[in-house]
Structures are given as C-alpha cells and as structure tokens.
Amino acid sequence: MPQPSDFARAFGERLRAARLAKTPKWSLERLGRRSRVHWSYIGQVERGEVNPSLLIAGRLAHALEVDLGSLTTALPAPPPGKDPDE
C-alpha cells in the first residue's frame, strides 16, 4: 500500500482531533452514525489512507459541528496528480 501523503495525513489528524475533542470523546462508530459515513472509512481518513470527497468531508465536519475550513486551512500541498498526457 502506498504511503499516505502529508496532505491526507494532516487532514486525518485534524479530523481525529476534532472527534476526540467532543465531550465525552466520540468513537468512530458515533461519528459514523452522526455523519452517515461508515466508521471504518472514517478510520481510513483519519490514518490518511484515503482522501474523502468534499461531500464526505462536509458531512463529517457538520456532524462534529466544526467549520469545514478549520479542517482544511493551511494543509500541506496535495500530491501531484498523474499527467493525463503520459
């Protein structure tokens, strides 16, 4: 499996911090129920293994009652995409 990018890892760390900042601390399962996103996928996002769509990121932020911008501001540069001409 490829290594997570700094971009994905930073987003996941922020998401995990926002989840654990809830009182009492929210489990992955609880965030999954609230956001309608499967808890195992949320775990992959938190570990930087996957990049969520904007819709999923929005659902997660809304469920956590945080601004989506707070999860995305000043992230490292995203990894380069594949050149479509190659």
N, C-alpha and C. Protein backbone atom coordinates (compact mmCIF):
# COMPACT_ATOMS: atom_id res chain seq x y z
N MET A 1 0.85 -1.18 0.00
CA MET A 1 0.00 0.00 0.00
C MET A 1 0.90 1.24 0.00
N PRO A 2 0.55 2.26 -0.82
CA PRO A 2 1.38 3.48 -0.84
C PRO A 2 1.30 4.23 0.48
N GLN A 3 2.37 4.98 0.75
CA GLN A 3 2.42 5.79 1.97
C GLN A 3 1.42 6.94 1.85
N PRO A 4 0.75 7.28 2.96
CA PRO A 4 -0.16 8.44 2.93
C PRO A 4 0.61 9.72 2.62
N SER A 5 -0.02 10.60 1.88
CA SER A 5 0.60 11.89 1.60
C SER A 5 0.53 12.76 2.86
N ASP A 6 1.41 13.75 2.91
CA ASP A 6 1.37 14.70 4.03
C ASP A 6 0.01 15.39 4.09
N PHE A 7 -0.56 15.66 2.92
CA PHE A 7 -1.87 16.30 2.81
C PHE A 7 -2.94 15.45 3.49
N ALA A 8 -3.02 14.17 3.09
CA ALA A 8 -4.04 13.28 3.64
C ALA A 8 -3.80 13.03 5.12
N ARG A 9 -2.55 12.87 5.51
CA ARG A 9 -2.22 12.62 6.91
C ARG A 9 -2.62 13.82 7.79
N ALA A 10 -2.34 15.04 7.33
CA ALA A 10 -2.69 16.24 8.10
C ALA A 10 -4.19 16.40 8.24
N PHE A 11 -4.92 16.15 7.15
CA PHE A 11 -6.38 16.24 7.23
C PHE A 11 -6.92 15.21 8.22
N GLY A 12 -6.40 13.99 8.14
CA GLY A 12 -6.85 12.94 9.05
C GLY A 12 -6.56 13.26 10.50
N GLU A 13 -5.39 13.84 10.76
CA GLU A 13 -5.05 14.22 12.13
C GLU A 13 -6.00 15.28 12.67
N ARG A 14 -6.36 16.22 11.82
CA ARG A 14 -7.30 17.27 12.25
C ARG A 14 -8.68 16.68 12.51
N LEU A 15 -9.09 15.78 11.65
CA LEU A 15 -10.40 15.14 11.83
C LEU A 15 -10.41 14.36 13.15
N ARG A 16 -9.37 13.58 13.40
CA ARG A 16 -9.29 12.81 14.64
C ARG A 16 -9.30 13.74 15.86
N ALA A 17 -8.55 14.82 15.79
CA ALA A 17 -8.51 15.77 16.91
C ALA A 17 -9.89 16.36 17.17
N ALA A 18 -10.62 16.70 16.11
CA ALA A 18 -11.96 17.26 16.27
C ALA A 18 -12.90 16.23 16.88
N ARG A 19 -12.76 14.97 16.48
CA ARG A 19 -13.61 13.91 17.02
C ARG A 19 -13.31 13.69 18.50
N LEU A 20 -12.04 13.64 18.84
CA LEU A 20 -11.67 13.38 20.24
C LEU A 20 -11.88 14.58 21.14
N ALA A 21 -12.07 15.76 20.55
CA ALA A 21 -12.34 16.96 21.34
C ALA A 21 -13.79 17.00 21.83
N LYS A 22 -14.64 16.15 21.26
CA LYS A 22 -16.03 16.11 21.71
C LYS A 22 -16.08 15.57 23.14
N THR A 23 -17.02 16.06 23.92
CA THR A 23 -17.16 15.62 25.30
C THR A 23 -18.49 14.92 25.47
N PRO A 24 -18.51 13.65 25.87
CA PRO A 24 -17.35 12.77 26.01
C PRO A 24 -16.77 12.46 24.63
N LYS A 25 -15.54 11.94 24.62
CA LYS A 25 -14.87 11.65 23.35
C LYS A 25 -15.73 10.73 22.49
N TRP A 26 -15.86 11.11 21.22
CA TRP A 26 -16.66 10.32 20.30
C TRP A 26 -15.85 9.17 19.74
N SER A 27 -16.50 8.03 19.60
CA SER A 27 -15.89 6.89 18.93
C SER A 27 -16.05 7.07 17.42
N LEU A 28 -15.32 6.27 16.67
CA LEU A 28 -15.52 6.26 15.22
C LEU A 28 -16.95 5.88 14.88
N GLU A 29 -17.50 4.94 15.64
CA GLU A 29 -18.87 4.49 15.39
C GLU A 29 -19.87 5.61 15.59
N ARG A 30 -19.67 6.39 16.64
CA ARG A 30 -20.61 7.50 16.90
C ARG A 30 -20.54 8.54 15.79
N LEU A 31 -19.33 8.91 15.37
CA LEU A 31 -19.21 9.86 14.26
C LEU A 31 -19.81 9.27 13.00
N GLY A 32 -19.63 7.99 12.80
CA GLY A 32 -20.23 7.34 11.63
C GLY A 32 -21.74 7.43 11.63
N ARG A 33 -22.35 7.16 12.77
CA ARG A 33 -23.82 7.27 12.86
C ARG A 33 -24.28 8.70 12.61
N ARG A 34 -23.59 9.66 13.21
CA ARG A 34 -23.99 11.06 13.09
C ARG A 34 -23.79 11.61 11.68
N SER A 35 -22.75 11.14 11.00
CA SER A 35 -22.42 11.68 9.67
C SER A 35 -22.97 10.85 8.53
N ARG A 36 -23.45 9.66 8.84
CA ARG A 36 -23.90 8.72 7.81
C ARG A 36 -22.74 8.29 6.90
N VAL A 37 -21.56 8.16 7.51
CA VAL A 37 -20.37 7.68 6.83
C VAL A 37 -19.89 6.47 7.63
N HIS A 38 -19.55 5.38 6.96
CA HIS A 38 -19.17 4.16 7.68
C HIS A 38 -17.94 4.42 8.54
N TRP A 39 -17.98 3.91 9.76
CA TRP A 39 -16.90 4.16 10.72
C TRP A 39 -15.56 3.66 10.23
N SER A 40 -15.53 2.56 9.49
CA SER A 40 -14.24 2.04 9.02
C SER A 40 -13.63 2.97 7.97
N TYR A 41 -14.47 3.62 7.17
CA TYR A 41 -13.98 4.60 6.20
C TYR A 41 -13.42 5.82 6.93
N ILE A 42 -14.11 6.25 7.98
CA ILE A 42 -13.62 7.38 8.77
C ILE A 42 -12.24 7.05 9.34
N GLY A 43 -12.05 5.83 9.81
CA GLY A 43 -10.75 5.41 10.31
C GLY A 43 -9.67 5.50 9.24
N GLN A 44 -10.02 5.13 8.01
CA GLN A 44 -9.07 5.23 6.90
C GLN A 44 -8.73 6.70 6.63
N VAL A 45 -9.73 7.57 6.70
CA VAL A 45 -9.48 9.00 6.51
C VAL A 45 -8.55 9.51 7.60
N GLU A 46 -8.84 9.14 8.84
CA GLU A 46 -8.01 9.61 9.96
C GLU A 46 -6.56 9.14 9.86
N ARG A 47 -6.35 7.98 9.27
CA ARG A 47 -4.99 7.46 9.10
C ARG A 47 -4.33 7.99 7.82
N GLY A 48 -5.05 8.78 7.04
CA GLY A 48 -4.50 9.33 5.80
C GLY A 48 -4.45 8.34 4.66
N GLU A 49 -5.17 7.25 4.78
CA GLU A 49 -5.14 6.20 3.76
C GLU A 49 -6.01 6.51 2.55
N VAL A 50 -7.04 7.33 2.75
CA VAL A 50 -7.95 7.71 1.66
C VAL A 50 -8.20 9.21 1.72
N ASN A 51 -8.58 9.76 0.60
CA ASN A 51 -8.94 11.17 0.52
C ASN A 51 -10.46 11.25 0.35
N PRO A 52 -11.15 11.80 1.33
CA PRO A 52 -12.61 11.86 1.22
C PRO A 52 -13.04 12.89 0.18
N SER A 53 -14.20 12.64 -0.39
CA SER A 53 -14.78 13.64 -1.29
C SER A 53 -15.18 14.87 -0.48
N LEU A 54 -15.45 15.94 -1.16
CA LEU A 54 -15.91 17.16 -0.49
C LEU A 54 -17.21 16.90 0.24
N LEU A 55 -18.09 16.11 -0.34
CA LEU A 55 -19.36 15.78 0.30
C LEU A 55 -19.13 15.04 1.62
N ILE A 56 -18.27 14.04 1.62
CA ILE A 56 -17.99 13.28 2.84
C ILE A 56 -17.31 14.18 3.88
N ALA A 57 -16.33 14.97 3.45
CA ALA A 57 -15.67 15.89 4.39
C ALA A 57 -16.69 16.84 5.00
N GLY A 58 -17.62 17.32 4.20
CA GLY A 58 -18.67 18.20 4.70
C GLY A 58 -19.57 17.51 5.71
N ARG A 59 -19.95 16.26 5.43
CA ARG A 59 -20.78 15.50 6.38
C ARG A 59 -20.07 15.32 7.71
N LEU A 60 -18.78 15.00 7.64
CA LEU A 60 -18.01 14.80 8.87
C LEU A 60 -17.91 16.09 9.68
N ALA A 61 -17.59 17.19 9.01
CA ALA A 61 -17.49 18.49 9.69
C ALA A 61 -18.83 18.88 10.30
N HIS A 62 -19.91 18.70 9.55
CA HIS A 62 -21.24 19.06 10.04
C HIS A 62 -21.60 18.23 11.28
N ALA A 63 -21.33 16.93 11.23
CA ALA A 63 -21.64 16.07 12.37
C ALA A 63 -20.84 16.49 13.60
N LEU A 64 -19.59 16.90 13.39
CA LEU A 64 -18.74 17.32 14.50
C LEU A 64 -19.01 18.76 14.95
N GLU A 65 -19.85 19.46 14.20
CA GLU A 65 -20.18 20.86 14.48
C GLU A 65 -18.94 21.73 14.43
N VAL A 66 -18.10 21.49 13.41
CA VAL A 66 -16.93 22.32 13.15
C VAL A 66 -17.03 22.84 11.72
N ASP A 67 -16.39 23.95 11.48
CA ASP A 67 -16.36 24.51 10.15
C ASP A 67 -15.43 23.66 9.28
N LEU A 68 -15.87 23.31 8.08
CA LEU A 68 -15.04 22.52 7.19
C LEU A 68 -13.70 23.21 6.94
N GLY A 69 -13.70 24.53 6.89
CA GLY A 69 -12.47 25.27 6.68
C GLY A 69 -11.44 25.02 7.78
N SER A 70 -11.91 24.78 9.00
CA SER A 70 -10.96 24.52 10.09
C SER A 70 -10.22 23.20 9.89
N LEU A 71 -10.79 22.31 9.11
CA LEU A 71 -10.13 21.03 8.83
C LEU A 71 -9.20 21.11 7.62
N THR A 72 -9.35 22.17 6.83
CA THR A 72 -8.60 22.23 5.57
C THR A 72 -7.64 23.41 5.46
N THR A 73 -7.74 24.40 6.33
CA THR A 73 -6.89 25.57 6.24
C THR A 73 -5.42 25.21 6.41
N ALA A 74 -4.60 25.72 5.51
CA ALA A 74 -3.14 25.59 5.57
C ALA A 74 -2.64 24.14 5.61
N LEU A 75 -3.32 23.26 4.90
CA LEU A 75 -2.82 21.90 4.76
C LEU A 75 -1.57 21.91 3.88
N PRO A 76 -0.72 20.91 4.00
CA PRO A 76 0.41 20.82 3.07
C PRO A 76 -0.12 20.70 1.64
N ALA A 77 0.73 20.96 0.68
CA ALA A 77 0.33 20.85 -0.73
C ALA A 77 -0.12 19.43 -1.03
N PRO A 78 -1.19 19.28 -1.81
CA PRO A 78 -1.62 17.93 -2.17
C PRO A 78 -0.58 17.29 -3.10
N PRO A 79 -0.55 15.97 -3.12
CA PRO A 79 0.40 15.32 -4.00
C PRO A 79 0.03 15.62 -5.46
N PRO A 80 1.03 15.61 -6.35
CA PRO A 80 0.72 15.89 -7.76
C PRO A 80 -0.13 14.79 -8.34
N GLY A 81 -1.00 15.18 -9.24
CA GLY A 81 -1.81 14.21 -9.95
C GLY A 81 -1.03 13.57 -11.08
N LYS A 82 -1.61 12.57 -11.66
CA LYS A 82 -0.99 11.89 -12.78
C LYS A 82 -1.16 12.76 -14.03
N ASP A 83 -0.12 12.88 -14.80
CA ASP A 83 -0.16 13.67 -16.03
C ASP A 83 -1.03 12.92 -17.04
N PRO A 84 -2.14 13.54 -17.51
CA PRO A 84 -3.04 12.83 -18.43
C PRO A 84 -2.40 12.59 -19.80
N ASP A 85 -1.31 13.29 -20.11
CA ASP A 85 -0.67 13.11 -21.42
C ASP A 85 0.36 11.99 -21.41
N GLU A 86 0.59 11.39 -20.28
CA GLU A 86 1.59 10.32 -20.20
C GLU A 86 0.95 8.97 -20.38
